[in-house]
Amino acid sequence: MFTKTSWDLWKEECKQLGIVTFCRDLDQAIGSGVPVGMISEFCGPPGSGKTQMCLQLCINAQIPAQLGGLGAKAVYFDTNFGFHPGRLQEIASACVRHCQKLVQIHKKELVAATRDFSIDRLMNAVYYRHIHGCSEMLEGIETLERLLKSGEKIVITNDVTTRINGQDSQVIPALGNTHSHKINQRVILGQSDEDPAGVHIASVEKGLFRTRMAVKFQISQAGIRGVRKK
C-alpha cells in the first residue's frame, strides 16, 4: 500500500535542481532556484520585472548540467504580448559569456560541455505560443498539467489589483484566494524607491522554504542579477 517513506521523498527532493535566477539571494529564498514539479508565481504591477524574470528563466533552464544547470528546454505561453525575442537574445548572449568565463576558470573538464552552448542554440530551445481565447488557454493548462506530472517546473505571472475595504485600500495579487491555494510559491516583485534605477525587490509571500522574506535584485542589459552589498 505504501511505496515510499518521507525519508525517500526527502532524498529525492535533495537531488532535484531548480532553475537559478542569477540572483543568489533570491535563489536561496525560494530554495536553490525555481523548484521542480511545482507552480511558482511571480506577481507584480507593470514594470516590476515579471517578463524579464520569465525570459531569464527560459535561458537559465538550458545551462549545461556540468555547470550546475539542467540542460533543459523551455516553453513560453504568452497571454498579453509580453514576449520580446530581441530581449531574449540579449539575455542569452550574456548567459553564454557567463558560462564561458566559468569554463576558463575550470578549464578542460568543462570545454566539451559548453562546446555547443551558443546563442542560436539557446534561442532555438525556447518554444513560444501566444494564447488566443479561452479554448487555447484550456489547452495550454492541460499541457502544463502533463508537464507537472513529468516533474517539470512551471512559472506563471500574475498582476495586482486593489481591494477596497471601507475607507482603506490594499494592493493584492489578482485572481483571488482560490488561485492562491493552487500555487506552491508566490514572489511579489516591485521597484525599489530607495535604490538606483534598475534595482527591484522580490518579496516571498508564500514559499516552501522561507516565508515573508524580501531580497533585492537588479535588471540590467545582461538580465536578472543580484545586487552587490555595500
Protein backbone atom coordinates (compact mmCIF):
# COMPACT_ATOMS: atom_id res chain seq x y z
CA MET A 1 0.00 0.00 0.00
CA PHE A 2 2.76 2.44 0.96
CA THR A 3 5.53 2.59 -1.61
CA LYS A 4 7.63 5.43 -0.20
CA THR A 5 8.52 6.92 3.14
CA SER A 6 9.03 10.58 3.94
CA TRP A 7 12.76 9.83 4.04
CA ASP A 8 12.63 8.58 0.46
CA LEU A 9 10.79 11.71 -0.65
CA TRP A 10 13.27 13.94 1.14
CA LYS A 11 16.24 12.25 -0.55
CA GLU A 12 14.57 12.65 -3.94
CA GLU A 13 13.93 16.33 -3.25
CA CYS A 14 17.57 16.90 -2.28
CA LYS A 15 18.72 15.53 -5.64
CA GLN A 16 16.46 17.82 -7.65
CA LEU A 17 17.88 21.03 -9.05
CA GLY A 18 15.97 24.25 -9.57
CA ILE A 19 16.30 26.89 -12.26
CA VAL A 20 18.65 29.57 -11.00
CA THR A 21 17.72 33.23 -11.47
CA PHE A 22 21.32 34.60 -11.36
CA CYS A 23 20.37 36.40 -8.14
CA ARG A 24 21.85 34.31 -5.34
CA ASP A 25 19.75 35.87 -2.58
CA LEU A 26 16.53 35.16 -4.47
CA ASP A 27 17.61 31.61 -5.32
CA GLN A 28 18.25 30.90 -1.64
CA ALA A 29 14.95 32.47 -0.62
CA ILE A 30 12.93 30.18 -2.90
CA GLY A 31 15.06 27.10 -2.35
CA SER A 32 18.04 26.85 -4.74
CA GLY A 33 16.09 28.34 -7.62
CA VAL A 34 12.64 27.61 -9.04
CA PRO A 35 11.78 24.12 -7.67
CA VAL A 36 10.82 21.04 -9.66
CA GLY A 37 7.29 19.70 -10.07
CA MET A 38 5.65 22.78 -8.57
CA ILE A 39 3.94 26.00 -9.60
CA SER A 40 5.84 29.19 -8.80
CA GLU A 41 4.19 32.57 -9.33
CA PHE A 42 5.84 35.94 -9.87
CA CYS A 43 3.33 38.68 -9.20
CA GLY A 44 3.55 42.44 -9.56
CA PRO A 45 2.42 45.60 -11.37
CA PRO A 46 3.61 46.56 -14.86
CA GLY A 47 7.34 47.27 -14.90
CA SER A 48 8.08 45.16 -11.83
CA GLY A 49 10.19 42.62 -13.73
CA LYS A 50 7.81 39.70 -14.33
CA THR A 51 8.56 39.32 -18.04
CA GLN A 52 12.29 39.85 -17.51
CA MET A 53 12.27 37.10 -14.89
CA CYS A 54 10.48 34.69 -17.22
CA LEU A 55 12.86 35.39 -20.10
CA GLN A 56 15.84 34.85 -17.80
CA LEU A 57 14.45 31.53 -16.59
CA CYS A 58 13.87 30.39 -20.19
CA ILE A 59 17.58 30.83 -20.83
CA ASN A 60 18.91 29.61 -17.48
CA ALA A 61 16.96 26.36 -17.75
CA GLN A 62 19.33 25.44 -20.58
CA ILE A 63 22.62 25.88 -18.71
CA PRO A 64 24.56 22.59 -19.01
CA ALA A 65 24.37 20.19 -16.07
CA GLN A 66 28.17 20.30 -15.75
CA LEU A 67 27.84 23.98 -14.86
CA GLY A 68 25.09 23.40 -12.30
CA GLY A 69 22.17 23.83 -14.69
CA LEU A 70 19.51 21.50 -16.03
CA GLY A 71 20.42 21.26 -19.72
CA ALA A 72 16.69 21.55 -20.45
CA LYS A 73 14.39 23.47 -22.80
CA ALA A 74 11.60 25.98 -22.19
CA VAL A 75 8.02 26.64 -23.31
CA TYR A 76 6.64 30.20 -23.10
CA PHE A 77 2.86 30.69 -23.10
CA ASP A 78 2.09 34.36 -23.77
CA THR A 79 -1.31 35.85 -22.93
CA ASN A 80 -0.55 39.57 -23.17
CA PHE A 81 2.05 40.03 -25.93
CA GLY A 82 4.84 40.37 -23.36
CA PHE A 83 7.38 38.16 -25.14
CA HIS A 84 10.33 40.04 -26.69
CA PRO A 85 12.67 37.91 -28.88
CA GLY A 86 15.27 40.69 -29.08
CA ARG A 87 15.44 40.94 -25.31
CA LEU A 88 15.67 37.16 -25.04
CA GLN A 89 18.68 37.24 -27.37
CA GLU A 90 20.39 39.84 -25.15
CA ILE A 91 19.89 37.66 -22.09
CA ALA A 92 21.07 34.57 -23.99
CA SER A 93 24.24 36.36 -25.11
CA ALA A 94 25.04 37.40 -21.54
CA CYS A 95 24.43 33.85 -20.30
CA VAL A 96 26.81 32.41 -22.90
CA ARG A 97 29.52 34.88 -21.84
CA HIS A 98 28.95 33.99 -18.19
CA CYS A 99 29.30 30.27 -18.87
CA GLN A 100 32.41 30.83 -20.98
CA LYS A 101 34.01 32.57 -18.00
CA LEU A 102 33.22 29.54 -15.84
CA VAL A 103 34.88 27.31 -18.43
CA GLN A 104 38.01 29.46 -18.34
CA ILE A 105 38.16 29.03 -14.58
CA HIS A 106 37.64 25.26 -14.56
CA LYS A 107 39.21 24.74 -17.99
CA LYS A 108 39.48 21.35 -19.68
CA GLU A 109 36.80 19.35 -17.88
CA LEU A 110 34.07 21.79 -18.95
CA VAL A 111 35.10 22.58 -22.51
CA ALA A 112 33.12 19.70 -24.02
CA ALA A 113 30.02 20.58 -22.00
CA THR A 114 29.82 24.08 -23.44
CA ARG A 115 31.12 23.49 -26.96
CA ASP A 116 27.62 23.77 -28.46
CA PHE A 117 26.30 26.23 -25.89
CA SER A 118 25.59 29.19 -28.18
CA ILE A 119 23.06 31.99 -28.61
CA ASP A 120 21.46 30.20 -31.57
CA ARG A 121 21.05 27.01 -29.59
CA LEU A 122 19.50 28.84 -26.65
CA MET A 123 17.04 30.71 -28.85
CA ASN A 124 16.04 27.53 -30.68
CA ALA A 125 15.26 25.77 -27.39
CA VAL A 126 12.64 28.31 -26.25
CA TYR A 127 9.27 27.36 -27.72
CA TYR A 128 6.70 30.12 -27.93
CA ARG A 129 2.93 30.15 -28.19
CA HIS A 130 0.54 33.07 -27.90
CA ILE A 131 -2.80 32.21 -26.32
CA HIS A 132 -5.84 33.47 -28.24
CA GLY A 133 -9.04 32.96 -26.25
CA CYS A 134 -10.38 30.53 -23.66
CA SER A 135 -10.12 27.34 -25.73
CA GLU A 136 -6.39 27.79 -26.29
CA MET A 137 -5.98 28.72 -22.63
CA LEU A 138 -7.62 25.45 -21.54
CA GLU A 139 -5.44 23.54 -23.99
CA GLY A 140 -2.38 25.23 -22.53
CA ILE A 141 -3.46 24.36 -18.98
CA GLU A 142 -3.79 20.69 -19.97
CA THR A 143 -0.29 20.83 -21.39
CA LEU A 144 1.04 22.32 -18.15
CA GLU A 145 -0.69 19.60 -16.14
CA ARG A 146 1.11 16.92 -18.15
CA LEU A 147 4.41 18.73 -17.70
CA LEU A 148 3.93 18.89 -13.93
CA LYS A 149 3.27 15.15 -13.77
CA SER A 150 6.57 14.54 -15.54
CA GLY A 151 8.43 16.67 -12.99
CA GLU A 152 8.85 19.92 -14.90
CA LYS A 153 8.96 23.43 -13.44
CA ILE A 154 6.01 25.73 -14.01
CA VAL A 155 6.34 29.50 -13.65
CA ILE A 156 3.34 31.79 -14.03
CA THR A 157 2.89 35.54 -13.69
CA ASN A 158 0.04 37.46 -12.12
CA ASP A 159 -0.99 41.11 -11.97
CA VAL A 160 -2.10 43.04 -8.91
CA THR A 161 -5.41 44.66 -8.09
CA THR A 162 -6.78 46.96 -5.39
CA ARG A 163 -9.06 45.67 -2.64
CA ILE A 164 -11.37 48.35 -1.25
CA ASN A 165 -12.48 47.89 2.35
CA GLY A 166 -14.44 50.90 3.53
CA GLN A 167 -12.06 53.84 3.54
CA ASP A 168 -8.98 51.62 3.31
CA SER A 169 -7.44 50.10 0.19
CA GLN A 170 -4.86 47.39 -0.25
CA VAL A 171 -2.87 46.25 -3.30
CA ILE A 172 -3.12 42.47 -3.57
CA PRO A 173 -2.41 39.76 -6.18
CA ALA A 174 -5.21 39.29 -8.69
CA LEU A 175 -7.21 36.08 -9.39
CA GLY A 176 -8.39 35.62 -5.79
CA ASN A 177 -7.96 33.13 -2.97
CA THR A 178 -8.88 30.04 -4.98
CA HIS A 179 -5.97 30.66 -7.30
CA SER A 180 -3.65 31.36 -4.37
CA HIS A 181 -4.32 27.90 -2.95
CA LYS A 182 -3.33 26.27 -6.26
CA ILE A 183 0.20 27.66 -6.42
CA ASN A 184 3.13 26.43 -4.35
CA GLN A 185 5.18 29.60 -4.24
CA ARG A 186 4.41 33.28 -4.71
CA VAL A 187 7.01 36.01 -5.12
CA ILE A 188 5.82 39.61 -5.37
CA LEU A 189 8.05 41.86 -7.48
CA GLY A 190 8.27 45.63 -7.29
CA GLN A 191 10.59 48.54 -7.87
CA SER A 192 12.72 49.89 -5.06
CA ASP A 193 12.13 53.54 -4.18
CA GLU A 194 15.30 53.80 -2.12
CA ASP A 195 17.81 52.46 -4.66
CA PRO A 196 19.10 53.48 -8.11
CA ALA A 197 17.07 52.78 -11.23
CA GLY A 198 17.03 49.12 -12.19
CA VAL A 199 17.01 47.82 -8.61
CA HIS A 200 13.91 45.83 -7.71
CA ILE A 201 12.59 43.98 -4.68
CA ALA A 202 11.37 40.38 -4.60
CA SER A 203 9.20 39.54 -1.59
CA VAL A 204 8.47 35.87 -0.90
CA GLU A 205 4.85 35.92 0.26
CA LYS A 206 4.23 32.18 0.03
CA GLY A 207 7.09 29.71 -0.05
CA LEU A 208 8.13 26.16 0.67
CA PHE A 209 11.34 27.08 2.44
CA ARG A 210 11.15 30.65 3.71
CA THR A 211 8.18 32.96 4.02
CA ARG A 212 7.87 36.72 4.31
CA MET A 213 11.39 37.37 3.10
CA ALA A 214 12.42 40.25 0.83
CA VAL A 215 15.57 40.45 -1.28
CA LYS A 216 16.89 42.93 -3.83
CA PHE A 217 17.75 42.17 -7.44
CA GLN A 218 18.56 44.26 -10.46
CA ILE A 219 17.56 44.21 -14.10
CA SER A 220 20.47 45.09 -16.35
CA GLN A 221 21.20 44.65 -20.03
CA ALA A 222 22.52 41.20 -19.15
CA GLY A 223 19.24 40.25 -17.45
CA ILE A 224 18.42 39.40 -13.84
CA ARG A 225 21.34 39.77 -11.46
CA GLY A 226 21.97 40.16 -7.75
CA VAL A 227 22.71 43.48 -6.08
CA ARG A 228 26.19 43.92 -4.69
CA LYS A 229 26.11 44.51 -0.97
CA LYS A 230 27.95 47.54 0.32
